[in-house]
Amino acid sequence: MDIKGKIEEIVERVKADKDFSSKFMSDPVKAVESVIGIDLPDAQINALIDGVKAKLTADKAGDMLGSIKKLF
């Protein structure tokens, strides 16, 4: 399984689908499993969830930085 690809796929789905975003925020394990289609051990699922959260945080920080740059 391409972990980086799955993280990107989940991040895009969180951004594009409000229902999925809510599901990810309330029960990230089930949300991730619904995308990958298999039941993984908790350690692997948690690694995917951490990757998605990190990517979402980095994307938000980049968006804010871009907005600040536009002010100058």
N, C-alpha and C. Protein backbone atom coordinates (compact mmCIF):
# COMPACT_ATOMS: atom_id res chain seq x y z
N MET A 1 0.84 -1.18 0.00
CA MET A 1 0.00 0.00 0.00
C MET A 1 0.89 1.24 0.00
N ASP A 2 0.54 2.21 -0.82
CA ASP A 2 1.25 3.47 -0.91
C ASP A 2 0.72 4.39 0.19
N ILE A 3 1.42 4.45 1.31
CA ILE A 3 0.97 5.22 2.47
C ILE A 3 0.84 6.70 2.13
N LYS A 4 1.86 7.26 1.49
CA LYS A 4 1.82 8.68 1.15
C LYS A 4 0.63 8.98 0.23
N GLY A 5 0.39 8.10 -0.72
CA GLY A 5 -0.74 8.27 -1.62
C GLY A 5 -2.07 8.21 -0.89
N LYS A 6 -2.19 7.29 0.06
CA LYS A 6 -3.43 7.17 0.84
C LYS A 6 -3.65 8.41 1.71
N ILE A 7 -2.55 8.93 2.29
CA ILE A 7 -2.67 10.14 3.10
C ILE A 7 -3.18 11.28 2.24
N GLU A 8 -2.59 11.43 1.04
CA GLU A 8 -3.04 12.49 0.12
C GLU A 8 -4.51 12.31 -0.25
N GLU A 9 -4.90 11.08 -0.52
CA GLU A 9 -6.29 10.78 -0.89
C GLU A 9 -7.24 11.16 0.24
N ILE A 10 -6.89 10.81 1.46
CA ILE A 10 -7.74 11.10 2.61
C ILE A 10 -7.80 12.60 2.86
N VAL A 11 -6.66 13.29 2.75
CA VAL A 11 -6.63 14.74 2.94
C VAL A 11 -7.54 15.43 1.94
N GLU A 12 -7.45 15.03 0.68
CA GLU A 12 -8.30 15.64 -0.35
C GLU A 12 -9.77 15.38 -0.07
N ARG A 13 -10.07 14.19 0.41
CA ARG A 13 -11.47 13.86 0.71
C ARG A 13 -11.97 14.67 1.91
N VAL A 14 -11.12 14.86 2.92
CA VAL A 14 -11.50 15.67 4.08
C VAL A 14 -11.80 17.10 3.63
N LYS A 15 -10.98 17.62 2.74
CA LYS A 15 -11.16 18.99 2.25
C LYS A 15 -12.40 19.14 1.38
N ALA A 16 -12.71 18.13 0.59
CA ALA A 16 -13.78 18.23 -0.41
C ALA A 16 -15.16 17.79 0.09
N ASP A 17 -15.20 16.92 1.07
CA ASP A 17 -16.46 16.30 1.50
C ASP A 17 -16.73 16.62 2.97
N LYS A 18 -17.69 17.51 3.22
CA LYS A 18 -17.98 17.93 4.59
C LYS A 18 -18.45 16.78 5.47
N ASP A 19 -19.24 15.86 4.90
CA ASP A 19 -19.70 14.71 5.67
C ASP A 19 -18.52 13.83 6.09
N PHE A 20 -17.61 13.59 5.14
CA PHE A 20 -16.44 12.78 5.46
C PHE A 20 -15.55 13.51 6.47
N SER A 21 -15.43 14.82 6.32
CA SER A 21 -14.63 15.60 7.26
C SER A 21 -15.17 15.46 8.68
N SER A 22 -16.50 15.54 8.81
CA SER A 22 -17.12 15.36 10.13
C SER A 22 -16.87 13.96 10.67
N LYS A 23 -16.97 12.97 9.79
CA LYS A 23 -16.73 11.59 10.19
C LYS A 23 -15.28 11.42 10.64
N PHE A 24 -14.34 12.04 9.89
CA PHE A 24 -12.93 11.94 10.25
C PHE A 24 -12.66 12.59 11.60
N MET A 25 -13.30 13.72 11.88
CA MET A 25 -13.08 14.40 13.15
C MET A 25 -13.70 13.63 14.31
N SER A 26 -14.83 12.97 14.09
CA SER A 26 -15.49 12.25 15.18
C SER A 26 -14.97 10.83 15.37
N ASP A 27 -14.63 10.15 14.28
CA ASP A 27 -14.14 8.77 14.36
C ASP A 27 -13.13 8.52 13.25
N PRO A 28 -11.91 9.01 13.43
CA PRO A 28 -10.92 8.91 12.35
C PRO A 28 -10.59 7.49 11.93
N VAL A 29 -10.64 6.54 12.83
CA VAL A 29 -10.31 5.16 12.49
C VAL A 29 -11.30 4.62 11.46
N LYS A 30 -12.59 4.77 11.74
CA LYS A 30 -13.60 4.27 10.79
C LYS A 30 -13.55 5.03 9.48
N ALA A 31 -13.28 6.33 9.54
CA ALA A 31 -13.20 7.14 8.32
C ALA A 31 -12.05 6.65 7.43
N VAL A 32 -10.90 6.43 8.02
CA VAL A 32 -9.73 5.97 7.26
C VAL A 32 -9.99 4.57 6.71
N GLU A 33 -10.53 3.70 7.53
CA GLU A 33 -10.82 2.34 7.06
C GLU A 33 -11.82 2.33 5.91
N SER A 34 -12.75 3.29 5.92
CA SER A 34 -13.72 3.34 4.82
C SER A 34 -13.05 3.74 3.51
N VAL A 35 -11.99 4.50 3.57
CA VAL A 35 -11.28 4.91 2.36
C VAL A 35 -10.35 3.81 1.87
N ILE A 36 -9.61 3.19 2.80
CA ILE A 36 -8.64 2.19 2.36
C ILE A 36 -9.29 0.84 2.09
N GLY A 37 -10.46 0.62 2.68
CA GLY A 37 -11.21 -0.59 2.38
C GLY A 37 -10.75 -1.85 3.09
N ILE A 38 -9.81 -1.72 4.01
CA ILE A 38 -9.36 -2.88 4.78
C ILE A 38 -9.19 -2.50 6.24
N ASP A 39 -9.23 -3.50 7.09
CA ASP A 39 -9.04 -3.30 8.52
C ASP A 39 -7.58 -3.52 8.84
N LEU A 40 -6.90 -2.45 9.23
CA LEU A 40 -5.47 -2.54 9.56
C LEU A 40 -5.29 -2.55 11.07
N PRO A 41 -4.13 -3.02 11.53
CA PRO A 41 -3.83 -2.94 12.96
C PRO A 41 -3.83 -1.48 13.42
N ASP A 42 -4.15 -1.27 14.69
CA ASP A 42 -4.27 0.08 15.24
C ASP A 42 -3.02 0.93 15.00
N ALA A 43 -1.85 0.35 15.12
CA ALA A 43 -0.61 1.11 14.93
C ALA A 43 -0.52 1.69 13.52
N GLN A 44 -0.92 0.92 12.54
CA GLN A 44 -0.87 1.40 11.16
C GLN A 44 -1.95 2.44 10.89
N ILE A 45 -3.15 2.21 11.41
CA ILE A 45 -4.23 3.18 11.24
C ILE A 45 -3.86 4.49 11.91
N ASN A 46 -3.33 4.41 13.12
CA ASN A 46 -2.95 5.63 13.84
C ASN A 46 -1.84 6.38 13.11
N ALA A 47 -0.92 5.67 12.47
CA ALA A 47 0.13 6.33 11.69
C ALA A 47 -0.49 7.08 10.51
N LEU A 48 -1.47 6.48 9.84
CA LEU A 48 -2.17 7.15 8.74
C LEU A 48 -2.92 8.38 9.25
N ILE A 49 -3.60 8.24 10.36
CA ILE A 49 -4.36 9.35 10.93
C ILE A 49 -3.42 10.50 11.29
N ASP A 50 -2.29 10.18 11.91
CA ASP A 50 -1.31 11.21 12.26
C ASP A 50 -0.77 11.90 11.00
N GLY A 51 -0.54 11.13 9.96
CA GLY A 51 -0.07 11.70 8.70
C GLY A 51 -1.09 12.64 8.09
N VAL A 52 -2.36 12.24 8.12
CA VAL A 52 -3.43 13.09 7.58
C VAL A 52 -3.54 14.38 8.39
N LYS A 53 -3.53 14.27 9.71
CA LYS A 53 -3.63 15.46 10.56
C LYS A 53 -2.45 16.39 10.33
N ALA A 54 -1.24 15.83 10.20
CA ALA A 54 -0.06 16.65 9.96
C ALA A 54 -0.17 17.38 8.62
N LYS A 55 -0.63 16.68 7.60
CA LYS A 55 -0.78 17.28 6.27
C LYS A 55 -1.84 18.37 6.29
N LEU A 56 -2.95 18.13 6.96
CA LEU A 56 -3.99 19.14 7.06
C LEU A 56 -3.48 20.38 7.78
N THR A 57 -2.73 20.19 8.85
CA THR A 57 -2.17 21.30 9.61
C THR A 57 -1.16 22.08 8.77
N ALA A 58 -0.32 21.37 8.04
CA ALA A 58 0.67 22.03 7.18
C ALA A 58 -0.02 22.81 6.07
N ASP A 59 -1.06 22.25 5.49
CA ASP A 59 -1.79 22.94 4.43
C ASP A 59 -2.45 24.22 4.95
N LYS A 60 -3.03 24.14 6.15
CA LYS A 60 -3.67 25.32 6.74
C LYS A 60 -2.64 26.40 7.04
N ALA A 61 -1.48 25.99 7.55
CA ALA A 61 -0.42 26.95 7.85
C ALA A 61 0.06 27.61 6.57
N GLY A 62 0.20 26.85 5.50
CA GLY A 62 0.61 27.40 4.22
C GLY A 62 -0.40 28.38 3.66
N ASP A 63 -1.69 28.06 3.82
CA ASP A 63 -2.75 28.95 3.37
C ASP A 63 -2.71 30.27 4.14
N MET A 64 -2.50 30.20 5.46
CA MET A 64 -2.44 31.41 6.27
C MET A 64 -1.22 32.25 5.89
N LEU A 65 -0.09 31.60 5.66
CA LEU A 65 1.12 32.31 5.28
C LEU A 65 0.91 33.01 3.94
N GLY A 66 0.27 32.34 3.01
CA GLY A 66 -0.03 32.94 1.72
C GLY A 66 -0.92 34.16 1.84
N SER A 67 -1.88 34.10 2.75
CA SER A 67 -2.77 35.24 2.99
C SER A 67 -2.02 36.42 3.60
N ILE A 68 -1.10 36.12 4.47
CA ILE A 68 -0.30 37.18 5.11
C ILE A 68 0.61 37.84 4.08
N LYS A 69 1.21 37.06 3.21
CA LYS A 69 2.09 37.61 2.18
C LYS A 69 1.35 38.57 1.27
N LYS A 70 0.08 38.30 1.02
CA LYS A 70 -0.71 39.17 0.15
C LYS A 70 -0.93 40.55 0.76
N LEU A 71 -0.81 40.66 2.07
CA LEU A 71 -0.99 41.94 2.74
C LEU A 71 0.17 42.89 2.45
N PHE A 72 1.33 42.35 2.12
CA PHE A 72 2.52 43.19 1.92
C PHE A 72 2.80 43.36 0.49
